[in-house]
C-alpha atoms as a PDB file:
ATOM      1  CA  MET A   1       1.658  36.717  17.847  1.00  0.00           C
ATOM      2  CA  PRO A   2       0.960  39.788  19.809  1.00  0.00           C
ATOM      3  CA  GLY A   3       4.087  41.572  21.406  1.00  0.00           C
ATOM      4  CA  PRO A   4       4.536  42.449  24.995  1.00  0.00           C
ATOM      5  CA  GLN A   5       2.794  45.950  24.645  1.00  0.00           C
ATOM      6  CA  GLU A   6      -0.458  44.180  23.268  1.00  0.00           C
ATOM      7  CA  LEU A   7      -0.283  41.848  25.868  1.00  0.00           C
ATOM      8  CA  LEU A   8      -0.130  44.446  28.607  1.00  0.00           C
ATOM      9  CA  VAL A   9      -3.194  46.274  27.172  1.00  0.00           C
ATOM     10  CA  ILE A  10      -5.225  42.908  26.986  1.00  0.00           C
ATOM     11  CA  ALA A  11      -4.317  42.220  30.632  1.00  0.00           C
ATOM     12  CA  VAL A  12      -5.416  45.802  31.674  1.00  0.00           C
ATOM     13  CA  ILE A  13      -8.666  45.436  29.739  1.00  0.00           C
ATOM     14  CA  ALA A  14      -9.344  42.064  31.407  1.00  0.00           C
ATOM     15  CA  LEU A  15      -8.520  43.276  34.814  1.00  0.00           C
ATOM     16  CA  LEU A  16     -10.943  46.124  34.243  1.00  0.00           C
ATOM     17  CA  VAL A  17     -13.835  43.898  32.729  1.00  0.00           C
ATOM     18  CA  PHE A  18     -13.631  40.834  35.102  1.00  0.00           C
ATOM     19  CA  GLY A  19     -12.032  42.248  38.005  1.00  0.00           C
ATOM     20  CA  PRO A  20      -9.340  41.136  40.273  1.00  0.00           C
ATOM     21  CA  ASP A  21     -11.470  38.524  41.896  1.00  0.00           C
ATOM     22  CA  ARG A  22     -12.439  36.564  38.837  1.00  0.00           C
ATOM     23  CA  LEU A  23      -9.162  36.991  36.696  1.00  0.00           C
ATOM     24  CA  PRO A  24      -7.409  34.175  38.301  1.00  0.00           C
ATOM     25  CA  GLU A  25     -10.081  31.900  37.670  1.00  0.00           C
ATOM     26  CA  MET A  26     -10.494  32.990  34.016  1.00  0.00           C
ATOM     27  CA  ALA A  27      -6.768  32.273  33.363  1.00  0.00           C
ATOM     28  CA  ARG A  28      -7.058  28.835  34.718  1.00  0.00           C
ATOM     29  CA  THR A  29     -10.012  28.066  32.478  1.00  0.00           C
ATOM     30  CA  ALA A  30      -8.157  29.634  29.581  1.00  0.00           C
ATOM     31  CA  ALA A  31      -5.219  27.638  30.258  1.00  0.00           C
ATOM     32  CA  ARG A  32      -7.163  24.447  30.542  1.00  0.00           C
ATOM     33  CA  TRP A  33      -8.693  25.077  27.151  1.00  0.00           C
ATOM     34  CA  ILE A  34      -5.509  26.023  25.589  1.00  0.00           C
ATOM     35  CA  THR A  35      -3.997  22.454  27.027  1.00  0.00           C
ATOM     36  CA  LYS A  36      -6.879  20.551  25.348  1.00  0.00           C
ATOM     37  CA  LEU A  37      -6.577  22.441  22.229  1.00  0.00           C
ATOM     38  CA  ARG A  38      -2.882  21.603  21.892  1.00  0.00           C
ATOM     39  CA  SER A  39      -3.302  17.834  22.759  1.00  0.00           C
ATOM     40  CA  GLU A  40      -6.074  17.616  20.208  1.00  0.00           C
ATOM     41  CA  THR A  41      -4.217  19.291  17.636  1.00  0.00           C
ATOM     42  CA  SER A  42      -1.012  16.990  18.227  1.00  0.00           C
ATOM     43  CA  ARG A  43      -3.435  14.058  18.110  1.00  0.00           C
ATOM     44  CA  ASN A  44      -4.947  15.282  14.907  1.00  0.00           C
ATOM     45  CA  VAL A  45      -1.667  15.672  13.206  1.00  0.00           C
ATOM     46  CA  ALA A  46      -0.418  12.468  14.373  1.00  0.00           C
ATOM     47  CA  GLU A  47      -3.403  10.847  12.706  1.00  0.00           C
ATOM     48  CA  LEU A  48      -3.001  12.741   9.672  1.00  0.00           C
ATOM     49  CA  LYS A  49       0.634  11.437   9.288  1.00  0.00           C
ATOM     50  CA  ARG A  50      -0.476   8.008   9.814  1.00  0.00           C
ATOM     51  CA  LEU A  51      -3.195   8.383   7.163  1.00  0.00           C
ATOM     52  CA  SER A  52      -0.610   9.717   4.837  1.00  0.00           C
ATOM     53  CA  GLU A  53       1.670   6.756   5.357  1.00  0.00           C
ATOM     54  CA  ILE A  54      -1.264   4.474   4.756  1.00  0.00           C
ATOM     55  CA  GLN A  55      -1.956   6.148   1.428  1.00  0.00           C
ATOM     56  CA  GLN A  56       1.688   5.926   0.535  1.00  0.00           C
ATOM     57  CA  LEU A  57       1.650   2.248   1.264  1.00  0.00           C
ATOM     58  CA  GLN A  58      -1.438   1.749  -0.714  1.00  0.00           C
ATOM     59  CA  ALA A  59       0.120   3.470  -3.669  1.00  0.00           C
ATOM     60  CA  GLU A  60       3.155   1.331  -3.623  1.00  0.00           C
ATOM     61  CA  LEU A  61       0.953  -1.704  -3.271  1.00  0.00           C
ATOM     62  CA  LYS A  62      -0.982  -0.839  -6.348  1.00  0.00           C
ATOM     63  CA  THR A  63       2.369  -0.383  -8.248  1.00  0.00           C
ATOM     64  CA  LEU A  64       3.638  -3.779  -6.946  1.00  0.00           C
ATOM     65  CA  LYS A  65       0.486  -5.525  -8.065  1.00  0.00           C
ATOM     66  CA  HIS A  66       0.768  -3.959 -11.421  1.00  0.00           C
ATOM     67  CA  ASP A  67       4.177  -5.052 -11.751  1.00  0.00           C
ATOM     68  CA  LEU A  68       3.124  -8.693 -10.743  1.00  0.00           C
ATOM     69  CA  ASP A  69       0.466  -8.532 -13.154  1.00  0.00           C
ATOM     70  CA  GLY A  70       2.784  -7.800 -16.007  1.00  0.00           C
ATOM     71  CA  ALA A  71       5.094 -10.465 -14.832  1.00  0.00           C
ATOM     72  CA  ARG A  72       2.489 -12.933 -14.620  1.00  0.00           C
ATOM     73  CA  SER A  73       1.240 -12.282 -18.428  1.00  0.00           C
ATOM     74  CA  ASP A  74       4.949 -12.241 -19.369  1.00  0.00           C
ATOM     75  CA  VAL A  75       5.314 -15.922 -17.959  1.00  0.00           C
ATOM     76  CA  ARG A  76       2.004 -17.066 -19.501  1.00  0.00           C
ATOM     77  CA  ARG A  77       3.008 -15.706 -22.863  1.00  0.00           C
ATOM     78  CA  GLY A  78       6.423 -17.553 -22.540  1.00  0.00           C
ATOM     79  CA  VAL A  79       4.599 -20.821 -21.609  1.00  0.00           C
ATOM     80  CA  ARG A  80       2.390 -20.412 -24.415  1.00  0.00           C
ATOM     81  CA  GLU A  81       5.291 -19.923 -26.803  1.00  0.00           C
ATOM     82  CA  VAL A  82       7.285 -23.059 -25.517  1.00  0.00           C
ATOM     83  CA  THR A  83       4.011 -24.920 -25.644  1.00  0.00           C
ATOM     84  CA  GLY A  84       3.550 -23.818 -29.365  1.00  0.00           C
ATOM     85  CA  LEU A  85       7.224 -24.738 -30.167  1.00  0.00           C
ATOM     86  CA  VAL A  86       6.706 -28.256 -28.699  1.00  0.00           C
ATOM     87  CA  ASP A  87       3.343 -28.528 -30.634  1.00  0.00           C
ATOM     88  CA  GLY A  88       4.920 -27.388 -33.767  1.00  0.00           C
ATOM     89  CA  ALA A  89       7.989 -29.531 -33.359  1.00  0.00           C
ATOM     90  CA  ALA A  90       5.746 -32.437 -32.861  1.00  0.00           C
ATOM     91  CA  GLY A  91       3.600 -31.554 -35.809  1.00  0.00           C
ATOM     92  CA  THR A  92       6.676 -31.258 -38.093  1.00  0.00           C
ATOM     93  CA  THR A  93       8.000 -34.771 -37.237  1.00  0.00           C
ATOM     94  CA  ALA A  94       4.577 -36.377 -37.570  1.00  0.00           C
ATOM     95  CA  SER A  95       3.925 -34.713 -41.109  1.00  0.00           C
ATOM     96  CA  ALA A  96       7.340 -35.411 -42.383  1.00  0.00           C
ATOM     97  CA  GLY A  97       6.282 -39.055 -43.141  1.00  0.00           C
ATOM     98  CA  SER A  98       9.484 -40.715 -41.619  1.00  0.00           C
ATOM     99  CA  SER A  99       9.624 -44.387 -41.713  1.00  0.00           C
ATOM    100  CA  ARG A 100       9.505 -44.581 -38.054  1.00  0.00           C
ATOM    101  CA  PRO A 101       6.400 -44.821 -36.171  1.00  0.00           C
ATOM    102  CA  SER A 102       5.341 -41.515 -34.801  1.00  0.00           C
ATOM    103  CA  GLU A 103       6.060 -40.856 -30.990  1.00  0.00           C
ATOM    104  CA  PRO A 104       3.476 -39.472 -28.755  1.00  0.00           C
ATOM    105  CA  VAL A 105       3.498 -35.896 -28.518  1.00  0.00           C
ATOM    106  CA  MET A 106       4.795 -34.662 -25.155  1.00  0.00           C
ATOM    107  CA  ARG A 107       2.717 -31.901 -23.754  1.00  0.00           C
ATOM    108  CA  LEU A 108       3.864 -29.628 -21.012  1.00  0.00           C
ATOM    109  CA  PRO A 109       1.092 -29.685 -18.146  1.00  0.00           C
ATOM    110  CA  VAL A 110      -0.241 -26.042 -17.515  1.00  0.00           C
ATOM    111  CA  ARG A 111      -1.867 -25.549 -13.978  1.00  0.00           C
ATOM    112  CA  ASP A 112      -4.213 -23.073 -13.130  1.00  0.00           C
ATOM    113  CA  ASP A 113      -3.385 -20.111 -10.728  1.00  0.00           C
ATOM    114  CA  ASP A 114      -5.418 -21.938  -7.673  1.00  0.00           C
ATOM    115  CA  ASP A 115      -3.685 -25.365  -8.120  1.00  0.00           C
ATOM    116  CA  PRO A 116      -0.940 -26.141  -5.562  1.00  0.00           C
ATOM    117  CA  PRO A 117       2.678 -26.682  -7.158  1.00  0.00           C
ATOM    118  CA  PRO A 118       3.609 -30.439  -7.942  1.00  0.00           C
ATOM    119  CA  PHE A 119       4.958 -32.209  -4.924  1.00  0.00           C
ATOM    120  CA  ASP A 120       7.773 -34.885  -5.385  1.00  0.00           C
ATOM    121  CA  PRO A 121       8.351 -36.768  -2.179  1.00  0.00           C
ATOM    122  CA  GLU A 122      11.521 -38.326  -3.396  1.00  0.00           C
ATOM    123  CA  ALA A 123      13.043 -34.993  -4.085  1.00  0.00           C
ATOM    124  CA  THR A 124      12.966 -33.757  -0.346  1.00  0.00           C
END
């Protein structure tokens, strides 16, 4: 930023080059340009801040999606283990050769991701 001495030298040179008649008009024009430049700069800074916030939110969303995918796979693995335990217990009982007639094997229903959850009207 120029100091007061440099500004005085610039003003004297401008007065000599443009003359006293055109100098006020030139100053007004320069002030308008500076005002436009400042408003555009502040608008661009605000836009960059908004874009930065959007990028941060997208990164957080990606992390949450990754965590949810991991939780989904853990739940599916647990359902498979429980289903395997139930199947294994039913197979052991049936192969033991007990004198009782074998009971039907109870399977847990596994629903697809797109299926709605079960609805029990009596429970509400």
